[in-house]
Amino acid sequence: MRLIKKLNKWANSHAYYPIDILRISLGVFLIYKGIFFFRNPSFLVELLNEMQFDSFSALMWSVHYVGMFHFVGGLMLVFGLLTRLSLIVQLPIFIGAVTLNFFGTIHPQNLLESSLVFLVSIFFILYGSGKHSLDYDLKMQA
């Protein structure tokens, strides 16, 4: 807990608008991906079939899990609400997206995209939501 407080103090003293824009951009991208996966579940099913899923229900659960968590987590990132929690919940998805490229056909664009999202999410798990967020506003009101 002390580490998180220390990281929050450092992040609040180094609040820059480009970092907030990066957080919001990541959130918008995740919202887009969540909507994309809801509208095109066959795309994600094709990617997951390369991992040799045995159960159809596990496959469908994974498709809905990814779409829902990307959409809701992206909204939370845009507003800066529970940023660390929303990214930690999505961390298995990001790790799976990176490793998925090594189990079948390597798609360079998907690998680059998922790697960048993974690295930026690790940054925001450590950095937090920053000074221009709902988390900061709610903390200052208490």
N, C-alpha and C. Protein backbone atom coordinates (compact mmCIF):
# COMPACT_ATOMS: atom_id res chain seq x y z
N MET A 1 0.82 -1.19 0.00
CA MET A 1 0.00 0.00 0.00
C MET A 1 0.87 1.25 0.00
N ARG A 2 2.00 1.20 0.70
CA ARG A 2 2.88 2.37 0.72
C ARG A 2 3.46 2.64 -0.65
N LEU A 3 3.73 1.58 -1.40
CA LEU A 3 4.26 1.74 -2.75
C LEU A 3 3.26 2.46 -3.64
N ILE A 4 1.98 2.11 -3.53
CA ILE A 4 0.95 2.78 -4.33
C ILE A 4 0.84 4.24 -3.95
N LYS A 5 0.88 4.55 -2.66
CA LYS A 5 0.82 5.96 -2.23
C LYS A 5 2.04 6.74 -2.74
N LYS A 6 3.19 6.09 -2.70
CA LYS A 6 4.42 6.73 -3.19
C LYS A 6 4.33 6.99 -4.69
N LEU A 7 3.82 5.99 -5.44
CA LEU A 7 3.65 6.16 -6.88
C LEU A 7 2.61 7.24 -7.19
N ASN A 8 1.53 7.32 -6.39
CA ASN A 8 0.52 8.36 -6.60
C ASN A 8 1.09 9.74 -6.37
N LYS A 9 1.89 9.91 -5.32
CA LYS A 9 2.50 11.22 -5.06
C LYS A 9 3.43 11.62 -6.20
N TRP A 10 4.21 10.66 -6.68
CA TRP A 10 5.10 10.97 -7.79
C TRP A 10 4.31 11.32 -9.03
N ALA A 11 3.26 10.56 -9.32
CA ALA A 11 2.45 10.81 -10.52
C ALA A 11 1.75 12.15 -10.45
N ASN A 12 1.25 12.53 -9.27
CA ASN A 12 0.55 13.80 -9.14
C ASN A 12 1.49 14.99 -9.26
N SER A 13 2.74 14.81 -8.86
CA SER A 13 3.69 15.90 -9.00
C SER A 13 4.23 16.02 -10.42
N HIS A 14 4.05 14.98 -11.22
CA HIS A 14 4.50 14.98 -12.61
C HIS A 14 3.31 14.82 -13.55
N ALA A 15 2.27 15.60 -13.33
CA ALA A 15 1.06 15.48 -14.14
C ALA A 15 1.25 16.27 -15.44
N TYR A 16 1.22 15.56 -16.53
CA TYR A 16 1.39 16.17 -17.83
C TYR A 16 0.19 15.83 -18.70
N TYR A 17 -0.21 16.78 -19.51
CA TYR A 17 -1.35 16.55 -20.40
C TYR A 17 -1.10 15.47 -21.44
N PRO A 18 0.11 15.33 -22.00
CA PRO A 18 0.32 14.23 -22.95
C PRO A 18 0.07 12.85 -22.35
N ILE A 19 0.37 12.66 -21.08
CA ILE A 19 0.12 11.38 -20.44
C ILE A 19 -1.38 11.16 -20.28
N ASP A 20 -2.12 12.24 -19.96
CA ASP A 20 -3.57 12.11 -19.88
C ASP A 20 -4.16 11.81 -21.25
N ILE A 21 -3.63 12.43 -22.28
CA ILE A 21 -4.10 12.16 -23.64
C ILE A 21 -3.80 10.71 -24.01
N LEU A 22 -2.65 10.19 -23.59
CA LEU A 22 -2.31 8.79 -23.85
C LEU A 22 -3.29 7.86 -23.14
N ARG A 23 -3.64 8.18 -21.88
CA ARG A 23 -4.60 7.36 -21.14
C ARG A 23 -5.97 7.37 -21.81
N ILE A 24 -6.41 8.55 -22.22
CA ILE A 24 -7.71 8.66 -22.89
C ILE A 24 -7.68 7.94 -24.23
N SER A 25 -6.57 8.06 -24.95
CA SER A 25 -6.45 7.37 -26.25
C SER A 25 -6.49 5.86 -26.07
N LEU A 26 -5.83 5.36 -25.04
CA LEU A 26 -5.88 3.92 -24.76
C LEU A 26 -7.31 3.50 -24.45
N GLY A 27 -8.02 4.32 -23.67
CA GLY A 27 -9.41 4.02 -23.36
C GLY A 27 -10.29 4.01 -24.59
N VAL A 28 -10.12 4.99 -25.47
CA VAL A 28 -10.92 5.04 -26.70
C VAL A 28 -10.60 3.83 -27.58
N PHE A 29 -9.32 3.46 -27.65
CA PHE A 29 -8.93 2.29 -28.45
C PHE A 29 -9.57 1.02 -27.89
N LEU A 30 -9.60 0.87 -26.57
CA LEU A 30 -10.20 -0.32 -25.97
C LEU A 30 -11.71 -0.34 -26.18
N ILE A 31 -12.35 0.83 -26.13
CA ILE A 31 -13.78 0.90 -26.43
C ILE A 31 -14.02 0.46 -27.86
N TYR A 32 -13.20 0.96 -28.78
CA TYR A 32 -13.33 0.56 -30.18
C TYR A 32 -13.17 -0.95 -30.34
N LYS A 33 -12.15 -1.51 -29.69
CA LYS A 33 -11.91 -2.95 -29.80
C LYS A 33 -13.06 -3.74 -29.17
N GLY A 34 -13.60 -3.26 -28.06
CA GLY A 34 -14.74 -3.94 -27.45
C GLY A 34 -15.94 -3.98 -28.37
N ILE A 35 -16.25 -2.85 -29.00
CA ILE A 35 -17.36 -2.79 -29.95
C ILE A 35 -17.05 -3.67 -31.16
N PHE A 36 -15.80 -3.65 -31.62
CA PHE A 36 -15.41 -4.47 -32.76
C PHE A 36 -15.61 -5.96 -32.47
N PHE A 37 -15.24 -6.40 -31.27
CA PHE A 37 -15.38 -7.81 -30.93
C PHE A 37 -16.85 -8.20 -30.74
N PHE A 38 -17.68 -7.26 -30.26
CA PHE A 38 -19.11 -7.55 -30.15
C PHE A 38 -19.77 -7.65 -31.52
N ARG A 39 -19.35 -6.80 -32.44
CA ARG A 39 -19.96 -6.80 -33.77
C ARG A 39 -19.40 -7.89 -34.67
N ASN A 40 -18.16 -8.32 -34.43
CA ASN A 40 -17.50 -9.34 -35.26
C ASN A 40 -16.96 -10.47 -34.39
N PRO A 41 -17.82 -11.22 -33.73
CA PRO A 41 -17.30 -12.30 -32.87
C PRO A 41 -16.57 -13.38 -33.66
N SER A 42 -16.87 -13.50 -34.94
CA SER A 42 -16.20 -14.53 -35.74
C SER A 42 -14.70 -14.26 -35.88
N PHE A 43 -14.32 -12.96 -35.87
CA PHE A 43 -12.89 -12.62 -35.94
C PHE A 43 -12.14 -13.17 -34.74
N LEU A 44 -12.69 -12.95 -33.56
CA LEU A 44 -12.04 -13.43 -32.34
C LEU A 44 -12.12 -14.95 -32.25
N VAL A 45 -13.21 -15.54 -32.71
CA VAL A 45 -13.34 -17.00 -32.71
C VAL A 45 -12.25 -17.62 -33.59
N GLU A 46 -11.99 -17.01 -34.75
CA GLU A 46 -10.94 -17.52 -35.63
C GLU A 46 -9.57 -17.44 -34.96
N LEU A 47 -9.31 -16.33 -34.27
CA LEU A 47 -8.03 -16.21 -33.57
C LEU A 47 -7.91 -17.23 -32.45
N LEU A 48 -8.98 -17.42 -31.70
CA LEU A 48 -8.92 -18.36 -30.57
C LEU A 48 -8.92 -19.82 -31.02
N ASN A 49 -9.45 -20.10 -32.21
CA ASN A 49 -9.43 -21.48 -32.71
C ASN A 49 -8.01 -21.95 -32.96
N GLU A 50 -7.11 -21.03 -33.20
CA GLU A 50 -5.70 -21.41 -33.39
C GLU A 50 -5.10 -21.96 -32.10
N MET A 51 -5.72 -21.65 -30.96
CA MET A 51 -5.22 -22.13 -29.67
C MET A 51 -5.83 -23.48 -29.30
N GLN A 52 -6.62 -24.07 -30.19
CA GLN A 52 -7.20 -25.39 -29.99
C GLN A 52 -8.13 -25.46 -28.77
N PHE A 53 -9.13 -24.57 -28.73
CA PHE A 53 -10.13 -24.63 -27.67
C PHE A 53 -10.96 -25.90 -27.87
N ASP A 54 -11.16 -26.67 -26.80
CA ASP A 54 -11.94 -27.89 -26.88
C ASP A 54 -13.43 -27.63 -26.65
N SER A 55 -13.73 -26.66 -25.84
CA SER A 55 -15.11 -26.41 -25.44
C SER A 55 -15.66 -25.19 -26.17
N PHE A 56 -16.82 -25.35 -26.78
CA PHE A 56 -17.47 -24.23 -27.45
C PHE A 56 -17.93 -23.19 -26.44
N SER A 57 -18.38 -23.64 -25.26
CA SER A 57 -18.85 -22.69 -24.26
C SER A 57 -17.68 -21.85 -23.73
N ALA A 58 -16.52 -22.45 -23.56
CA ALA A 58 -15.35 -21.68 -23.13
C ALA A 58 -14.95 -20.67 -24.19
N LEU A 59 -15.08 -21.04 -25.44
CA LEU A 59 -14.78 -20.14 -26.54
C LEU A 59 -15.73 -18.95 -26.55
N MET A 60 -17.02 -19.20 -26.42
CA MET A 60 -18.02 -18.11 -26.42
C MET A 60 -17.87 -17.24 -25.18
N TRP A 61 -17.57 -17.87 -24.04
CA TRP A 61 -17.36 -17.09 -22.82
C TRP A 61 -16.18 -16.16 -23.00
N SER A 62 -15.13 -16.65 -23.61
CA SER A 62 -13.94 -15.82 -23.85
C SER A 62 -14.25 -14.65 -24.76
N VAL A 63 -15.03 -14.90 -25.81
CA VAL A 63 -15.39 -13.83 -26.74
C VAL A 63 -16.17 -12.74 -26.03
N HIS A 64 -17.14 -13.11 -25.19
CA HIS A 64 -17.94 -12.11 -24.49
C HIS A 64 -17.14 -11.42 -23.38
N TYR A 65 -16.27 -12.15 -22.74
CA TYR A 65 -15.41 -11.58 -21.70
C TYR A 65 -14.52 -10.48 -22.28
N VAL A 66 -13.90 -10.77 -23.40
CA VAL A 66 -12.98 -9.81 -24.02
C VAL A 66 -13.72 -8.56 -24.45
N GLY A 67 -14.84 -8.71 -25.14
CA GLY A 67 -15.60 -7.55 -25.60
C GLY A 67 -16.11 -6.69 -24.47
N MET A 68 -16.68 -7.32 -23.45
CA MET A 68 -17.25 -6.57 -22.34
C MET A 68 -16.17 -5.84 -21.54
N PHE A 69 -15.09 -6.53 -21.22
CA PHE A 69 -14.06 -5.92 -20.40
C PHE A 69 -13.31 -4.82 -21.16
N HIS A 70 -13.13 -4.98 -22.47
CA HIS A 70 -12.52 -3.90 -23.24
C HIS A 70 -13.42 -2.67 -23.24
N PHE A 71 -14.71 -2.86 -23.44
CA PHE A 71 -15.63 -1.73 -23.50
C PHE A 71 -15.73 -1.02 -22.15
N VAL A 72 -16.01 -1.76 -21.10
CA VAL A 72 -16.16 -1.15 -19.77
C VAL A 72 -14.83 -0.60 -19.27
N GLY A 73 -13.76 -1.35 -19.45
CA GLY A 73 -12.44 -0.88 -19.03
C GLY A 73 -12.01 0.35 -19.80
N GLY A 74 -12.34 0.41 -21.09
CA GLY A 74 -12.03 1.60 -21.88
C GLY A 74 -12.77 2.83 -21.39
N LEU A 75 -14.04 2.66 -21.04
CA LEU A 75 -14.81 3.79 -20.48
C LEU A 75 -14.19 4.27 -19.16
N MET A 76 -13.78 3.33 -18.33
CA MET A 76 -13.16 3.70 -17.06
C MET A 76 -11.84 4.43 -17.29
N LEU A 77 -11.08 4.02 -18.29
CA LEU A 77 -9.82 4.69 -18.60
C LEU A 77 -10.05 6.10 -19.13
N VAL A 78 -11.04 6.28 -19.98
CA VAL A 78 -11.31 7.60 -20.53
C VAL A 78 -11.59 8.59 -19.42
N PHE A 79 -12.38 8.17 -18.42
CA PHE A 79 -12.71 9.07 -17.32
C PHE A 79 -11.68 9.04 -16.19
N GLY A 80 -10.78 8.09 -16.23
CA GLY A 80 -9.77 8.00 -15.17
C GLY A 80 -10.34 7.46 -13.88
N LEU A 81 -11.27 6.55 -13.98
CA LEU A 81 -11.93 5.98 -12.81
C LEU A 81 -11.42 4.56 -12.60
N LEU A 82 -10.82 4.30 -11.45
CA LEU A 82 -10.28 2.98 -11.12
C LEU A 82 -9.37 2.45 -12.23
N THR A 83 -8.46 3.28 -12.65
CA THR A 83 -7.59 2.97 -13.79
C THR A 83 -6.78 1.71 -13.56
N ARG A 84 -6.14 1.62 -12.42
CA ARG A 84 -5.29 0.45 -12.15
C ARG A 84 -6.12 -0.83 -12.12
N LEU A 85 -7.27 -0.79 -11.47
CA LEU A 85 -8.12 -1.98 -11.37
C LEU A 85 -8.60 -2.42 -12.75
N SER A 86 -9.04 -1.46 -13.56
CA SER A 86 -9.55 -1.84 -14.88
C SER A 86 -8.45 -2.43 -15.76
N LEU A 87 -7.23 -1.97 -15.60
CA LEU A 87 -6.13 -2.53 -16.39
C LEU A 87 -5.64 -3.87 -15.84
N ILE A 88 -5.66 -4.02 -14.53
CA ILE A 88 -5.25 -5.30 -13.94
C ILE A 88 -6.23 -6.41 -14.33
N VAL A 89 -7.53 -6.07 -14.37
CA VAL A 89 -8.53 -7.05 -14.78
C VAL A 89 -8.32 -7.46 -16.24
N GLN A 90 -7.87 -6.52 -17.07
CA GLN A 90 -7.67 -6.82 -18.49
C GLN A 90 -6.28 -7.37 -18.81
N LEU A 91 -5.41 -7.40 -17.83
CA LEU A 91 -4.04 -7.88 -18.07
C LEU A 91 -3.98 -9.29 -18.67
N PRO A 92 -4.81 -10.25 -18.20
CA PRO A 92 -4.77 -11.57 -18.87
C PRO A 92 -5.16 -11.50 -20.34
N ILE A 93 -6.06 -10.60 -20.70
CA ILE A 93 -6.45 -10.44 -22.10
C ILE A 93 -5.26 -9.93 -22.90
N PHE A 94 -4.56 -8.93 -22.36
CA PHE A 94 -3.42 -8.35 -23.06
C PHE A 94 -2.29 -9.37 -23.23
N ILE A 95 -2.03 -10.13 -22.18
CA ILE A 95 -1.00 -11.17 -22.26
C ILE A 95 -1.40 -12.23 -23.28
N GLY A 96 -2.68 -12.61 -23.26
CA GLY A 96 -3.17 -13.58 -24.24
C GLY A 96 -3.08 -13.06 -25.66
N ALA A 97 -3.33 -11.76 -25.84
CA ALA A 97 -3.26 -11.17 -27.19
C ALA A 97 -1.83 -11.20 -27.72
N VAL A 98 -0.86 -10.97 -26.85
CA VAL A 98 0.54 -11.00 -27.28
C VAL A 98 0.96 -12.44 -27.59
N THR A 99 0.63 -13.36 -26.70
CA THR A 99 1.07 -14.75 -26.90
C THR A 99 0.30 -15.46 -27.99
N LEU A 100 -0.90 -14.99 -28.31
CA LEU A 100 -1.71 -15.61 -29.35
C LEU A 100 -1.00 -15.61 -30.70
N ASN A 101 -0.17 -14.62 -30.93
CA ASN A 101 0.55 -14.52 -32.19
C ASN A 101 1.61 -15.60 -32.35
N PHE A 102 2.03 -16.22 -31.27
CA PHE A 102 3.08 -17.22 -31.35
C PHE A 102 2.55 -18.65 -31.44
N PHE A 103 1.22 -18.84 -31.31
CA PHE A 103 0.65 -20.18 -31.37
C PHE A 103 0.18 -20.57 -32.76
N GLY A 104 0.03 -19.64 -33.62
CA GLY A 104 -0.43 -19.95 -34.96
C GLY A 104 0.31 -19.07 -35.95
N THR A 105 -0.44 -18.48 -36.82
CA THR A 105 0.15 -17.58 -37.79
C THR A 105 0.49 -16.26 -37.11
N ILE A 106 1.69 -15.78 -37.35
CA ILE A 106 2.10 -14.50 -36.75
C ILE A 106 1.57 -13.38 -37.63
N HIS A 107 0.76 -12.53 -37.02
CA HIS A 107 0.22 -11.35 -37.69
C HIS A 107 1.00 -10.15 -37.15
N PRO A 108 1.93 -9.58 -37.92
CA PRO A 108 2.78 -8.51 -37.39
C PRO A 108 2.00 -7.31 -36.87
N GLN A 109 0.93 -6.93 -37.55
CA GLN A 109 0.15 -5.77 -37.09
C GLN A 109 -0.52 -6.07 -35.75
N ASN A 110 -1.10 -7.26 -35.60
CA ASN A 110 -1.73 -7.63 -34.33
C ASN A 110 -0.70 -7.74 -33.21
N LEU A 111 0.48 -8.26 -33.53
CA LEU A 111 1.53 -8.38 -32.53
C LEU A 111 2.00 -7.01 -32.07
N LEU A 112 2.20 -6.10 -33.00
CA LEU A 112 2.62 -4.74 -32.65
C LEU A 112 1.54 -4.03 -31.84
N GLU A 113 0.30 -4.15 -32.28
CA GLU A 113 -0.82 -3.50 -31.60
C GLU A 113 -0.97 -4.02 -30.17
N SER A 114 -0.97 -5.34 -30.02
CA SER A 114 -1.15 -5.92 -28.69
C SER A 114 0.05 -5.66 -27.79
N SER A 115 1.24 -5.63 -28.35
CA SER A 115 2.43 -5.33 -27.54
C SER A 115 2.41 -3.89 -27.04
N LEU A 116 2.03 -2.96 -27.91
CA LEU A 116 1.94 -1.56 -27.48
C LEU A 116 0.89 -1.36 -26.40
N VAL A 117 -0.27 -1.99 -26.58
CA VAL A 117 -1.33 -1.87 -25.57
C VAL A 117 -0.87 -2.47 -24.26
N PHE A 118 -0.18 -3.60 -24.31
CA PHE A 118 0.33 -4.24 -23.10
C PHE A 118 1.33 -3.34 -22.38
N LEU A 119 2.27 -2.76 -23.13
CA LEU A 119 3.29 -1.90 -22.50
C LEU A 119 2.68 -0.62 -21.93
N VAL A 120 1.75 -0.02 -22.65
CA VAL A 120 1.11 1.20 -22.16
C VAL A 120 0.26 0.89 -20.93
N SER A 121 -0.39 -0.27 -20.93
CA SER A 121 -1.19 -0.63 -19.76
C SER A 121 -0.30 -0.89 -18.54
N ILE A 122 0.85 -1.51 -18.73
CA ILE A 122 1.79 -1.70 -17.61
C ILE A 122 2.23 -0.34 -17.07
N PHE A 123 2.48 0.61 -17.97
CA PHE A 123 2.85 1.96 -17.54
C PHE A 123 1.76 2.57 -16.68
N PHE A 124 0.50 2.47 -17.10
CA PHE A 124 -0.58 3.08 -16.33
C PHE A 124 -0.93 2.30 -15.07
N ILE A 125 -0.61 1.01 -15.02
CA ILE A 125 -0.77 0.28 -13.76
C ILE A 125 0.22 0.83 -12.73
N LEU A 126 1.41 1.17 -13.17
CA LEU A 126 2.41 1.73 -12.25
C LEU A 126 2.17 3.22 -12.00
N TYR A 127 1.84 3.97 -13.03
CA TYR A 127 1.69 5.42 -12.94
C TYR A 127 0.38 5.83 -12.30
N GLY A 128 -0.69 5.13 -12.59
CA GLY A 128 -2.00 5.50 -12.08
C GLY A 128 -2.73 6.36 -13.08
N SER A 129 -3.83 6.94 -12.64
CA SER A 129 -4.68 7.71 -13.56
C SER A 129 -4.22 9.15 -13.72
N GLY A 130 -3.40 9.64 -12.83
CA GLY A 130 -2.89 11.00 -12.96
C GLY A 130 -3.76 12.04 -12.28
N LYS A 131 -3.37 13.29 -12.47
CA LYS A 131 -4.02 14.39 -11.77
C LYS A 131 -5.33 14.81 -12.43
N HIS A 132 -5.49 14.59 -13.69
CA HIS A 132 -6.69 15.02 -14.42
C HIS A 132 -7.60 13.81 -14.64
N SER A 133 -8.19 13.32 -13.56
CA SER A 133 -9.02 12.13 -13.63
C SER A 133 -10.08 12.17 -12.53
N LEU A 134 -11.06 11.30 -12.65
CA LEU A 134 -12.08 11.20 -11.61
C LEU A 134 -11.50 10.65 -10.32
N ASP A 135 -10.54 9.76 -10.42
CA ASP A 135 -9.90 9.23 -9.21
C ASP A 135 -9.30 10.35 -8.37
N TYR A 136 -8.59 11.25 -9.02
CA TYR A 136 -7.96 12.37 -8.30
C TYR A 136 -9.02 13.30 -7.73
N ASP A 137 -10.05 13.60 -8.51
CA ASP A 137 -11.12 14.49 -8.04
C ASP A 137 -11.85 13.90 -6.84
N LEU A 138 -12.15 12.61 -6.90
CA LEU A 138 -12.84 11.97 -5.77
C LEU A 138 -11.95 11.90 -4.54
N LYS A 139 -10.66 11.70 -4.75
CA LYS A 139 -9.73 11.65 -3.62
C LYS A 139 -9.60 13.01 -2.96
N MET A 140 -9.63 14.09 -3.74
CA MET A 140 -9.51 15.44 -3.19
C MET A 140 -10.78 15.87 -2.46
N GLN A 141 -11.93 15.33 -2.82
CA GLN A 141 -13.17 15.69 -2.14
C GLN A 141 -13.30 15.01 -0.79
N ALA A 142 -12.65 13.89 -0.61
CA ALA A 142 -12.77 13.13 0.64
C ALA A 142 -11.93 13.76 1.74
